Amino acid sequence: MRYNNVIKKRDKNKKLHYSPSFVNKIPIKDSDIFIFVNDGDRFDMLAQRYYGDSNLWWIIAKANQMGNGRLGIDHTKKIRIPTEIDEILDSLYSSGG
């Protein structure tokens, strides 16, 4: 399922290549929640907690402009958890990638 909506191309040697899918900036909404993270929290853990799917960790990372899976941030700062993710997922899948 992970690669169902990714652009796939074959080169002249018929080797399959995957093109990355990109989501533009995730705008802040009134429905977003802000939390303080705990030591050891990871995006996948938060995605499981808030979305019921750890594979959606990238939404939280993108919303907070962070790239890696660990929350290497100051625990005195809040991070944003978008709650209306259907639009985000729809824009990804409808963009062809």
C-alpha atoms as a PDB file:
ATOM      1  CA  MET A   1       0.000   0.000   0.000  1.00  0.00           C
ATOM      2  CA  ARG A   2       2.831   2.403   0.793  1.00  0.00           C
ATOM      3  CA  TYR A   3       3.894   2.688  -2.868  1.00  0.00           C
ATOM      4  CA  ASN A   4       0.483   2.458  -4.549  1.00  0.00           C
ATOM      5  CA  ASN A   5       0.328   6.194  -5.270  1.00  0.00           C
ATOM      6  CA  VAL A   6       3.972   6.843  -6.017  1.00  0.00           C
ATOM      7  CA  ILE A   7       5.064   7.694  -9.540  1.00  0.00           C
ATOM      8  CA  LYS A   8       6.942   4.730 -10.991  1.00  0.00           C
ATOM      9  CA  LYS A   9       9.141   4.899 -14.094  1.00  0.00           C
ATOM     10  CA  ARG A  10      11.346   2.393 -15.861  1.00  0.00           C
ATOM     11  CA  ASP A  11      14.695   3.377 -17.321  1.00  0.00           C
ATOM     12  CA  LYS A  12      16.101   2.123 -20.637  1.00  0.00           C
ATOM     13  CA  ASN A  13      17.318  -1.023 -18.858  1.00  0.00           C
ATOM     14  CA  LYS A  14      13.780  -1.617 -17.582  1.00  0.00           C
ATOM     15  CA  LYS A  15      14.859  -0.959 -13.992  1.00  0.00           C
ATOM     16  CA  LEU A  16      12.015   0.452 -11.914  1.00  0.00           C
ATOM     17  CA  HIS A  17      12.541   3.807 -10.187  1.00  0.00           C
ATOM     18  CA  TYR A  18      10.233   5.456  -7.687  1.00  0.00           C
ATOM     19  CA  SER A  19       9.738   9.224  -7.599  1.00  0.00           C
ATOM     20  CA  PRO A  20       9.129  10.776  -4.203  1.00  0.00           C
ATOM     21  CA  SER A  21       5.770  12.273  -3.346  1.00  0.00           C
ATOM     22  CA  PHE A  22       5.691  15.696  -1.769  1.00  0.00           C
ATOM     23  CA  VAL A  23       3.145  17.469   0.364  1.00  0.00           C
ATOM     24  CA  ASN A  24       3.224  21.215   0.361  1.00  0.00           C
ATOM     25  CA  LYS A  25       3.196  23.155   3.597  1.00  0.00           C
ATOM     26  CA  ILE A  26       0.483  22.011   5.970  1.00  0.00           C
ATOM     27  CA  PRO A  27      -1.491  25.134   6.925  1.00  0.00           C
ATOM     28  CA  ILE A  28      -2.412  25.774  10.531  1.00  0.00           C
ATOM     29  CA  LYS A  29      -6.092  25.199  11.306  1.00  0.00           C
ATOM     30  CA  ASP A  30      -8.217  25.992  14.329  1.00  0.00           C
ATOM     31  CA  SER A  31      -8.721  22.249  14.802  1.00  0.00           C
ATOM     32  CA  ASP A  32      -4.981  21.571  15.260  1.00  0.00           C
ATOM     33  CA  ILE A  33      -3.820  20.648  18.724  1.00  0.00           C
ATOM     34  CA  PHE A  34      -0.549  21.581  20.352  1.00  0.00           C
ATOM     35  CA  ILE A  35       1.228  19.312  22.811  1.00  0.00           C
ATOM     36  CA  PHE A  36       4.411  19.163  24.812  1.00  0.00           C
ATOM     37  CA  VAL A  37       6.435  16.081  23.901  1.00  0.00           C
ATOM     38  CA  ASN A  38       7.916  13.691  26.409  1.00  0.00           C
ATOM     39  CA  ASP A  39      11.490  12.478  26.419  1.00  0.00           C
ATOM     40  CA  GLY A  40      11.698   9.582  23.968  1.00  0.00           C
ATOM     41  CA  ASP A  41       8.594  10.515  21.983  1.00  0.00           C
ATOM     42  CA  ARG A  42       8.825   9.843  18.256  1.00  0.00           C
ATOM     43  CA  PHE A  43       6.620  10.955  15.402  1.00  0.00           C
ATOM     44  CA  ASP A  44       5.465   7.398  14.721  1.00  0.00           C
ATOM     45  CA  MET A  45       4.341   7.009  18.341  1.00  0.00           C
ATOM     46  CA  LEU A  46       2.403  10.278  18.177  1.00  0.00           C
ATOM     47  CA  ALA A  47       0.830   9.333  14.843  1.00  0.00           C
ATOM     48  CA  GLN A  48      -0.320   6.030  16.341  1.00  0.00           C
ATOM     49  CA  ARG A  49      -1.770   7.856  19.331  1.00  0.00           C
ATOM     50  CA  TYR A  50      -3.569  10.610  17.391  1.00  0.00           C
ATOM     51  CA  TYR A  51      -4.321   8.962  14.019  1.00  0.00           C
ATOM     52  CA  GLY A  52      -4.347   5.253  14.848  1.00  0.00           C
ATOM     53  CA  ASP A  53      -1.657   4.698  12.199  1.00  0.00           C
ATOM     54  CA  SER A  54       2.063   5.036  12.883  1.00  0.00           C
ATOM     55  CA  ASN A  55       2.762   5.266   9.121  1.00  0.00           C
ATOM     56  CA  LEU A  56       1.324   8.788   9.164  1.00  0.00           C
ATOM     57  CA  TRP A  57       4.261  10.090  11.237  1.00  0.00           C
ATOM     58  CA  TRP A  58       5.343  12.296   8.331  1.00  0.00           C
ATOM     59  CA  ILE A  59       2.251  14.520   8.709  1.00  0.00           C
ATOM     60  CA  ILE A  60       3.362  15.583  12.181  1.00  0.00           C
ATOM     61  CA  ALA A  61       6.965  15.962  11.048  1.00  0.00           C
ATOM     62  CA  LYS A  62       5.956  18.090   8.045  1.00  0.00           C
ATOM     63  CA  ALA A  63       3.588  20.243  10.110  1.00  0.00           C
ATOM     64  CA  ASN A  64       6.459  21.025  12.455  1.00  0.00           C
ATOM     65  CA  GLN A  65       9.076  21.377   9.708  1.00  0.00           C
ATOM     66  CA  MET A  66      11.133  18.508  11.073  1.00  0.00           C
ATOM     67  CA  GLY A  67      12.519  15.688   9.018  1.00  0.00           C
ATOM     68  CA  ASN A  68      13.766  12.831  11.149  1.00  0.00           C
ATOM     69  CA  GLY A  69      11.772  10.340  13.183  1.00  0.00           C
ATOM     70  CA  ARG A  70      12.990  11.469  16.598  1.00  0.00           C
ATOM     71  CA  LEU A  71      11.687  14.577  18.254  1.00  0.00           C
ATOM     72  CA  GLY A  72      15.018  16.291  18.718  1.00  0.00           C
ATOM     73  CA  ILE A  73      13.403  19.415  20.085  1.00  0.00           C
ATOM     74  CA  ASP A  74      13.294  21.302  23.328  1.00  0.00           C
ATOM     75  CA  HIS A  75      10.616  19.703  25.505  1.00  0.00           C
ATOM     76  CA  THR A  76       9.542  23.143  26.682  1.00  0.00           C
ATOM     77  CA  LYS A  77       8.186  23.873  23.187  1.00  0.00           C
ATOM     78  CA  LYS A  78       4.881  22.654  21.852  1.00  0.00           C
ATOM     79  CA  ILE A  79       4.509  20.772  18.614  1.00  0.00           C
ATOM     80  CA  ARG A  80       1.481  20.885  16.346  1.00  0.00           C
ATOM     81  CA  ILE A  81      -0.684  17.871  15.604  1.00  0.00           C
ATOM     82  CA  PRO A  82      -2.971  18.464  12.607  1.00  0.00           C
ATOM     83  CA  THR A  83      -6.289  16.745  13.281  1.00  0.00           C
ATOM     84  CA  GLU A  84      -7.976  17.177   9.913  1.00  0.00           C
ATOM     85  CA  ILE A  85      -5.694  14.947   7.863  1.00  0.00           C
ATOM     86  CA  ASP A  86      -8.144  13.837   5.149  1.00  0.00           C
ATOM     87  CA  GLU A  87      -7.380  16.931   3.055  1.00  0.00           C
ATOM     88  CA  ILE A  88      -3.643  16.298   3.411  1.00  0.00           C
ATOM     89  CA  LEU A  89      -3.970  12.694   2.291  1.00  0.00           C
ATOM     90  CA  ASP A  90      -6.371  13.584  -0.523  1.00  0.00           C
ATOM     91  CA  SER A  91      -3.973  16.207  -1.893  1.00  0.00           C
ATOM     92  CA  LEU A  92      -1.151  13.678  -1.859  1.00  0.00           C
ATOM     93  CA  TYR A  93      -3.092  10.974  -3.644  1.00  0.00           C
ATOM     94  CA  SER A  94      -4.795  13.270  -6.150  1.00  0.00           C
ATOM     95  CA  SER A  95      -1.472  14.826  -7.186  1.00  0.00           C
ATOM     96  CA  GLY A  96      -0.472  11.609  -8.909  1.00  0.00           C
ATOM     97  CA  GLY A  97       2.273  10.864  -6.444  1.00  0.00           C
END
